[in-house]
């Protein structure tokens, strides 16, 4: 049997396509594994923060209640003034802590490493295909 003209080129093209597909799948698998690792690490970090935060809040809350009770007992004649002062202080502190919590939560970006790797992949693909070039 004789080969038709261009059959070697078609085989080379299909081989190149297969190689590209394998590379693409391997890259996608690596990125998905990276995302999974980051997700697992993030879950562990959040659970640890939650447990430590709840324990700290409980201890501080009990301590504050005991301190307020002590101050009220020592200044029994001005108990309304003392309780009002403590209430105002706690409301102000709660508002400040809530604002700090919002700022801290805004700064953390989940999957930062995965997003960085995907951006680099996209940049390399654009450079390889010529889509990343800007017209001057």
N, C-alpha and C. Protein backbone atom coordinates (compact mmCIF):
# COMPACT_ATOMS: atom_id res chain seq x y z
N UNK A 1 0.83 -1.20 0.00
CA UNK A 1 0.00 0.00 0.00
C UNK A 1 0.86 1.24 0.00
N UNK A 2 0.50 2.17 -0.80
CA UNK A 2 1.25 3.41 -0.84
C UNK A 2 0.54 4.44 0.03
N UNK A 3 1.33 5.32 0.56
CA UNK A 3 0.72 6.36 1.41
C UNK A 3 0.32 7.53 0.54
N UNK A 4 -0.72 8.17 0.92
CA UNK A 4 -1.19 9.32 0.17
C UNK A 4 -0.36 10.53 0.53
N UNK A 5 -0.24 11.47 -0.38
CA UNK A 5 0.54 12.66 -0.07
C UNK A 5 -0.07 13.41 1.10
N UNK A 6 0.80 13.80 2.02
CA UNK A 6 0.33 14.59 3.16
C UNK A 6 -0.09 13.74 4.34
N UNK A 7 -0.07 12.37 4.22
CA UNK A 7 -0.51 11.55 5.35
C UNK A 7 0.45 11.67 6.51
N UNK A 8 1.73 11.87 6.25
CA UNK A 8 2.71 12.07 7.32
C UNK A 8 2.44 13.37 8.06
N UNK A 9 2.02 14.36 7.31
CA UNK A 9 1.70 15.64 7.93
C UNK A 9 0.48 15.51 8.83
N UNK A 10 -0.52 14.75 8.38
CA UNK A 10 -1.73 14.56 9.19
C UNK A 10 -1.40 13.81 10.46
N UNK A 11 -0.53 12.75 10.33
CA UNK A 11 -0.12 12.02 11.53
C UNK A 11 0.62 12.94 12.50
N UNK A 12 1.45 13.78 11.96
CA UNK A 12 2.19 14.72 12.81
C UNK A 12 1.27 15.72 13.46
N UNK A 13 0.24 16.14 12.71
CA UNK A 13 -0.72 17.09 13.26
C UNK A 13 -1.52 16.45 14.39
N UNK A 14 -1.99 15.20 14.14
CA UNK A 14 -2.76 14.50 15.18
C UNK A 14 -1.89 14.20 16.39
N UNK A 15 -0.64 13.85 16.17
CA UNK A 15 0.27 13.60 17.29
C UNK A 15 0.49 14.87 18.09
N UNK A 16 0.64 15.98 17.38
CA UNK A 16 0.81 17.26 18.06
C UNK A 16 -0.44 17.64 18.85
N UNK A 17 -1.61 17.38 18.24
CA UNK A 17 -2.86 17.66 18.95
C UNK A 17 -3.01 16.79 20.19
N UNK A 18 -2.65 15.49 20.05
CA UNK A 18 -2.71 14.60 21.21
C UNK A 18 -1.76 15.07 22.31
N UNK A 19 -0.56 15.44 21.93
CA UNK A 19 0.41 15.92 22.90
C UNK A 19 -0.09 17.19 23.59
N UNK A 20 -0.67 18.08 22.81
CA UNK A 20 -1.23 19.32 23.38
C UNK A 20 -2.37 19.01 24.33
N UNK A 21 -3.22 18.06 23.95
CA UNK A 21 -4.35 17.69 24.81
C UNK A 21 -3.86 17.08 26.12
N UNK A 22 -2.86 16.21 26.02
CA UNK A 22 -2.30 15.59 27.23
C UNK A 22 -1.70 16.67 28.12
N UNK A 23 -0.98 17.61 27.54
CA UNK A 23 -0.38 18.69 28.32
C UNK A 23 -1.45 19.55 28.97
N UNK A 24 -2.50 19.85 28.22
CA UNK A 24 -3.59 20.66 28.75
C UNK A 24 -4.29 19.95 29.91
N UNK A 25 -4.56 18.65 29.76
CA UNK A 25 -5.21 17.89 30.83
C UNK A 25 -4.30 17.81 32.05
N UNK A 26 -3.01 17.58 31.84
CA UNK A 26 -2.07 17.51 32.96
C UNK A 26 -1.99 18.85 33.69
N UNK A 27 -1.98 19.93 32.95
CA UNK A 27 -1.96 21.26 33.56
C UNK A 27 -3.24 21.52 34.34
N UNK A 28 -4.37 21.16 33.76
CA UNK A 28 -5.65 21.35 34.45
C UNK A 28 -5.68 20.51 35.73
N UNK A 29 -5.19 19.29 35.66
CA UNK A 29 -5.16 18.42 36.85
C UNK A 29 -4.31 19.04 37.95
N UNK A 30 -3.15 19.55 37.57
CA UNK A 30 -2.27 20.18 38.55
C UNK A 30 -2.96 21.37 39.20
N UNK A 31 -3.63 22.18 38.40
CA UNK A 31 -4.32 23.36 38.94
C UNK A 31 -5.47 22.95 39.87
N UNK A 32 -6.19 21.90 39.50
CA UNK A 32 -7.29 21.44 40.35
C UNK A 32 -6.75 20.87 41.66
N UNK A 33 -5.64 20.14 41.60
CA UNK A 33 -5.02 19.63 42.83
C UNK A 33 -4.56 20.78 43.71
N UNK A 34 -4.00 21.81 43.11
CA UNK A 34 -3.57 22.98 43.87
C UNK A 34 -4.76 23.66 44.54
N UNK A 35 -5.85 23.79 43.81
CA UNK A 35 -7.05 24.39 44.39
C UNK A 35 -7.58 23.54 45.54
N UNK A 36 -7.55 22.22 45.39
CA UNK A 36 -7.99 21.33 46.46
C UNK A 36 -7.12 21.44 47.69
N UNK A 37 -5.82 21.53 47.49
CA UNK A 37 -4.89 21.70 48.62
C UNK A 37 -5.14 23.02 49.34
N UNK A 38 -5.34 24.06 48.56
CA UNK A 38 -5.62 25.36 49.18
C UNK A 38 -6.94 25.34 49.93
N UNK A 39 -7.94 24.69 49.37
CA UNK A 39 -9.23 24.61 50.02
C UNK A 39 -9.13 23.85 51.35
N UNK A 40 -8.41 22.75 51.35
CA UNK A 40 -8.23 21.98 52.59
C UNK A 40 -7.48 22.80 53.63
N UNK A 41 -6.43 23.48 53.21
CA UNK A 41 -5.68 24.33 54.14
C UNK A 41 -6.52 25.47 54.68
N UNK A 42 -7.32 26.05 53.82
CA UNK A 42 -8.19 27.16 54.22
C UNK A 42 -9.25 26.68 55.21
N UNK A 43 -9.79 25.49 54.99
CA UNK A 43 -10.79 24.94 55.90
C UNK A 43 -10.19 24.71 57.28
N UNK A 44 -8.99 24.14 57.32
CA UNK A 44 -8.32 23.90 58.60
C UNK A 44 -8.06 25.22 59.32
N UNK A 45 -7.59 26.22 58.58
CA UNK A 45 -7.31 27.52 59.18
C UNK A 45 -8.57 28.15 59.75
N UNK A 46 -9.66 28.08 59.00
CA UNK A 46 -10.91 28.69 59.46
C UNK A 46 -11.49 27.98 60.67
N UNK A 47 -11.41 26.65 60.70
CA UNK A 47 -11.91 25.91 61.87
C UNK A 47 -11.07 26.24 63.10
N UNK A 48 -9.76 26.31 62.94
CA UNK A 48 -8.88 26.65 64.06
C UNK A 48 -9.19 28.06 64.57
N UNK A 49 -9.36 29.00 63.65
CA UNK A 49 -9.70 30.37 64.05
C UNK A 49 -11.05 30.42 64.76
N UNK A 50 -12.01 29.67 64.28
CA UNK A 50 -13.33 29.65 64.89
C UNK A 50 -13.28 29.10 66.32
N UNK A 51 -12.60 27.97 66.50
CA UNK A 51 -12.51 27.36 67.84
C UNK A 51 -11.77 28.28 68.80
N UNK A 52 -10.64 28.82 68.37
CA UNK A 52 -9.88 29.73 69.24
C UNK A 52 -10.66 31.01 69.53
N UNK A 53 -11.35 31.51 68.54
CA UNK A 53 -12.13 32.73 68.74
C UNK A 53 -13.28 32.53 69.71
N UNK A 54 -13.98 31.42 69.59
CA UNK A 54 -15.10 31.15 70.51
C UNK A 54 -14.59 30.96 71.93
N UNK A 55 -13.50 30.23 72.09
CA UNK A 55 -12.93 30.03 73.43
C UNK A 55 -12.48 31.36 74.03
N UNK A 56 -11.83 32.18 73.23
CA UNK A 56 -11.37 33.49 73.72
C UNK A 56 -12.56 34.37 74.10
N UNK A 57 -13.58 34.38 73.25
CA UNK A 57 -14.77 35.18 73.55
C UNK A 57 -15.46 34.71 74.83
N UNK A 58 -15.53 33.43 75.05
CA UNK A 58 -16.15 32.90 76.26
C UNK A 58 -15.37 33.35 77.50
N UNK A 59 -14.04 33.18 77.47
CA UNK A 59 -13.22 33.56 78.62
C UNK A 59 -13.28 35.07 78.88
N UNK A 60 -13.17 35.85 77.85
CA UNK A 60 -13.23 37.31 78.01
C UNK A 60 -14.63 37.72 78.49
N UNK A 61 -15.66 37.11 77.97
CA UNK A 61 -17.03 37.44 78.38
C UNK A 61 -17.27 37.16 79.85
N UNK A 62 -16.85 36.00 80.32
CA UNK A 62 -17.01 35.67 81.74
C UNK A 62 -16.19 36.63 82.60
N UNK A 63 -14.98 36.93 82.17
CA UNK A 63 -14.14 37.87 82.92
C UNK A 63 -14.76 39.25 83.00
N UNK A 64 -15.31 39.71 81.90
CA UNK A 64 -15.93 41.03 81.89
C UNK A 64 -17.16 41.06 82.78
N UNK A 65 -17.98 40.02 82.72
CA UNK A 65 -19.16 39.97 83.60
C UNK A 65 -18.76 40.01 85.07
N UNK A 66 -17.74 39.26 85.43
CA UNK A 66 -17.28 39.27 86.82
C UNK A 66 -16.73 40.64 87.20
N UNK A 67 -16.00 41.28 86.29
CA UNK A 67 -15.45 42.61 86.57
C UNK A 67 -16.56 43.64 86.72
N UNK A 68 -17.55 43.62 85.85
CA UNK A 68 -18.67 44.55 85.97
C UNK A 68 -19.41 44.32 87.28
N UNK A 69 -19.63 43.05 87.64
CA UNK A 69 -20.28 42.74 88.92
C UNK A 69 -19.48 43.26 90.09
N UNK A 70 -18.18 43.15 90.04
CA UNK A 70 -17.33 43.65 91.12
C UNK A 70 -17.42 45.17 91.22
N UNK A 71 -17.33 45.86 90.09
CA UNK A 71 -17.39 47.33 90.11
C UNK A 71 -18.76 47.79 90.60
N UNK A 72 -19.82 47.12 90.16
CA UNK A 72 -21.17 47.50 90.61
C UNK A 72 -21.29 47.27 92.12
N UNK A 73 -20.75 46.18 92.62
CA UNK A 73 -20.82 45.90 94.06
C UNK A 73 -20.02 46.93 94.85
N UNK A 74 -18.86 47.35 94.34
CA UNK A 74 -18.03 48.33 95.04
C UNK A 74 -18.65 49.73 95.00
N UNK A 75 -19.34 50.07 93.91
CA UNK A 75 -19.95 51.40 93.77
C UNK A 75 -21.47 51.25 93.75
N UNK A 76 -22.02 50.63 94.77
CA UNK A 76 -23.44 50.30 94.81
C UNK A 76 -24.32 51.54 94.72
N UNK A 77 -23.90 52.64 95.31
CA UNK A 77 -24.72 53.85 95.30
C UNK A 77 -24.85 54.45 93.89
N UNK A 78 -23.85 54.27 93.05
CA UNK A 78 -23.88 54.78 91.66
C UNK A 78 -24.04 53.64 90.65
N UNK A 79 -24.78 52.61 91.00
CA UNK A 79 -24.86 51.43 90.13
C UNK A 79 -25.46 51.74 88.76
N UNK A 80 -26.43 52.65 88.69
CA UNK A 80 -27.03 52.99 87.40
C UNK A 80 -26.00 53.67 86.51
N UNK A 81 -25.24 54.59 87.06
CA UNK A 81 -24.21 55.29 86.31
C UNK A 81 -23.11 54.31 85.86
N UNK A 82 -22.70 53.41 86.76
CA UNK A 82 -21.64 52.44 86.44
C UNK A 82 -22.12 51.49 85.33
N UNK A 83 -23.33 50.98 85.46
CA UNK A 83 -23.86 50.06 84.44
C UNK A 83 -24.03 50.78 83.09
N UNK A 84 -24.48 52.02 83.10
CA UNK A 84 -24.62 52.79 81.86
C UNK A 84 -23.27 53.03 81.20
N UNK A 85 -22.27 53.34 82.00
CA UNK A 85 -20.92 53.56 81.47
C UNK A 85 -20.35 52.29 80.84
N UNK A 86 -20.52 51.17 81.56
CA UNK A 86 -20.04 49.91 81.00
C UNK A 86 -20.80 49.54 79.72
N UNK A 87 -22.10 49.76 79.69
CA UNK A 87 -22.89 49.46 78.49
C UNK A 87 -22.40 50.28 77.31
N UNK A 88 -22.17 51.57 77.51
CA UNK A 88 -21.67 52.42 76.43
C UNK A 88 -20.29 51.96 75.95
N UNK A 89 -19.43 51.64 76.91
CA UNK A 89 -18.07 51.21 76.55
C UNK A 89 -18.11 49.91 75.74
N UNK A 90 -18.97 48.97 76.15
CA UNK A 90 -19.06 47.71 75.42
C UNK A 90 -19.65 47.88 74.03
N UNK A 91 -20.62 48.76 73.90
CA UNK A 91 -21.18 49.00 72.57
C UNK A 91 -20.16 49.63 71.64
N UNK A 92 -19.39 50.59 72.15
CA UNK A 92 -18.34 51.22 71.33
C UNK A 92 -17.28 50.19 70.96
N UNK A 93 -16.83 49.39 71.94
CA UNK A 93 -15.81 48.37 71.67
C UNK A 93 -16.33 47.35 70.66
N UNK A 94 -17.59 46.95 70.79
CA UNK A 94 -18.16 46.00 69.84
C UNK A 94 -18.19 46.55 68.43
N UNK A 95 -18.54 47.82 68.28
CA UNK A 95 -18.55 48.44 66.96
C UNK A 95 -17.15 48.52 66.36
N UNK A 96 -16.17 48.89 67.17
CA UNK A 96 -14.78 48.95 66.68
C UNK A 96 -14.27 47.56 66.30
N UNK A 97 -14.57 46.57 67.11
CA UNK A 97 -14.13 45.21 66.80
C UNK A 97 -14.81 44.67 65.53
N UNK A 98 -16.06 45.00 65.34
CA UNK A 98 -16.77 44.58 64.13
C UNK A 98 -16.13 45.21 62.90
N UNK A 99 -15.80 46.49 62.99
CA UNK A 99 -15.15 47.17 61.86
C UNK A 99 -13.78 46.54 61.58
N UNK A 100 -13.02 46.22 62.64
CA UNK A 100 -11.71 45.59 62.45
C UNK A 100 -11.85 44.21 61.82
N UNK A 101 -12.89 43.47 62.22
CA UNK A 101 -13.14 42.15 61.65
C UNK A 101 -13.45 42.28 60.15
N UNK A 102 -14.24 43.26 59.77
CA UNK A 102 -14.57 43.46 58.37
C UNK A 102 -13.31 43.79 57.56
N UNK A 103 -12.44 44.65 58.09
CA UNK A 103 -11.21 45.00 57.39
C UNK A 103 -10.30 43.78 57.24
N UNK A 104 -10.18 42.98 58.29
CA UNK A 104 -9.33 41.79 58.24
C UNK A 104 -9.87 40.78 57.23
N UNK A 105 -11.17 40.65 57.14
CA UNK A 105 -11.78 39.70 56.22
C UNK A 105 -11.64 40.16 54.78
N UNK A 106 -11.63 41.45 54.53
CA UNK A 106 -11.51 41.98 53.17
C UNK A 106 -10.11 41.76 52.59
N UNK A 107 -9.10 41.71 53.43
CA UNK A 107 -7.72 41.60 52.96
C UNK A 107 -7.35 40.19 52.52
N UNK A 108 -8.04 39.18 53.00
CA UNK A 108 -7.67 37.79 52.70
C UNK A 108 -8.33 37.32 51.41
N UNK A 109 -7.53 36.84 50.46
CA UNK A 109 -8.07 36.34 49.20
C UNK A 109 -7.87 34.83 49.15
N UNK A 110 -8.99 34.11 49.02
CA UNK A 110 -8.95 32.66 48.94
C UNK A 110 -8.44 32.25 47.56
N UNK A 111 -7.69 31.18 47.50
CA UNK A 111 -7.15 30.62 46.26
C UNK A 111 -6.18 31.58 45.56
N UNK A 112 -5.43 32.34 46.32
CA UNK A 112 -4.50 33.31 45.72
C UNK A 112 -3.45 32.61 44.86
N UNK A 113 -2.88 31.49 45.35
CA UNK A 113 -1.85 30.79 44.59
C UNK A 113 -2.44 30.17 43.32
N UNK A 114 -3.63 29.61 43.43
CA UNK A 114 -4.28 29.01 42.25
C UNK A 114 -4.57 30.07 41.20
N UNK A 115 -5.10 31.21 41.64
CA UNK A 115 -5.39 32.29 40.70
C UNK A 115 -4.12 32.81 40.04
N UNK A 116 -3.04 32.90 40.81
CA UNK A 116 -1.77 33.36 40.25
C UNK A 116 -1.25 32.38 39.19
N UNK A 117 -1.36 31.08 39.47
CA UNK A 117 -0.91 30.08 38.49
C UNK A 117 -1.77 30.11 37.23
N UNK A 118 -3.08 30.26 37.40
CA UNK A 118 -3.96 30.33 36.23
C UNK A 118 -3.69 31.58 35.40
N UNK A 119 -3.41 32.70 36.06
CA UNK A 119 -3.06 33.92 35.34
C UNK A 119 -1.77 33.73 34.54
N UNK A 120 -0.79 33.04 35.15
CA UNK A 120 0.47 32.78 34.45
C UNK A 120 0.24 31.85 33.26
N UNK A 121 -0.61 30.82 33.44
CA UNK A 121 -0.94 29.93 32.32
C UNK A 121 -1.59 30.71 31.19
N UNK A 122 -2.53 31.57 31.55
CA UNK A 122 -3.22 32.37 30.53
C UNK A 122 -2.25 33.30 29.82
N UNK A 123 -1.34 33.90 30.56
CA UNK A 123 -0.35 34.78 29.95
C UNK A 123 0.53 34.01 28.97
N UNK A 124 0.96 32.81 29.35
CA UNK A 124 1.80 32.00 28.48
C UNK A 124 1.04 31.54 27.23
N UNK A 125 -0.23 31.17 27.40
CA UNK A 125 -1.03 30.77 26.24
C UNK A 125 -1.22 31.94 25.28
N UNK A 126 -1.48 33.11 25.82
CA UNK A 126 -1.64 34.29 24.95
C UNK A 126 -0.35 34.61 24.22
N UNK A 127 0.78 34.48 24.93
CA UNK A 127 2.06 34.76 24.29
C UNK A 127 2.35 33.74 23.19
N UNK A 128 2.00 32.47 23.44
CA UNK A 128 2.27 31.42 22.46
C UNK A 128 1.39 31.56 21.23
N UNK A 129 0.17 32.04 21.40
CA UNK A 129 -0.75 32.15 20.25
C UNK A 129 -0.72 33.53 19.62
N UNK A 130 -0.03 34.47 20.24
CA UNK A 130 0.03 35.81 19.67
C UNK A 130 -1.12 36.70 20.06
N UNK A 131 -2.02 36.23 20.96
CA UNK A 131 -3.17 37.04 21.37
C UNK A 131 -2.80 38.06 22.45
N UNK A 132 -1.63 37.92 23.03
CA UNK A 132 -1.24 38.83 24.10
C UNK A 132 -0.54 40.07 23.61
N UNK A 133 -0.26 40.15 22.31
CA UNK A 133 0.46 41.30 21.76
C UNK A 133 -0.47 42.49 21.62
N UNK A 134 0.03 43.63 22.05
CA UNK A 134 -0.76 44.87 21.93
C UNK A 134 -0.33 45.61 20.68
N UNK A 135 -1.31 46.19 20.02
CA UNK A 135 -1.01 46.99 18.81
C UNK A 135 -0.61 48.39 19.24
N UNK A 136 0.49 48.86 18.69
CA UNK A 136 0.96 50.21 19.04
C UNK A 136 0.57 51.21 17.98
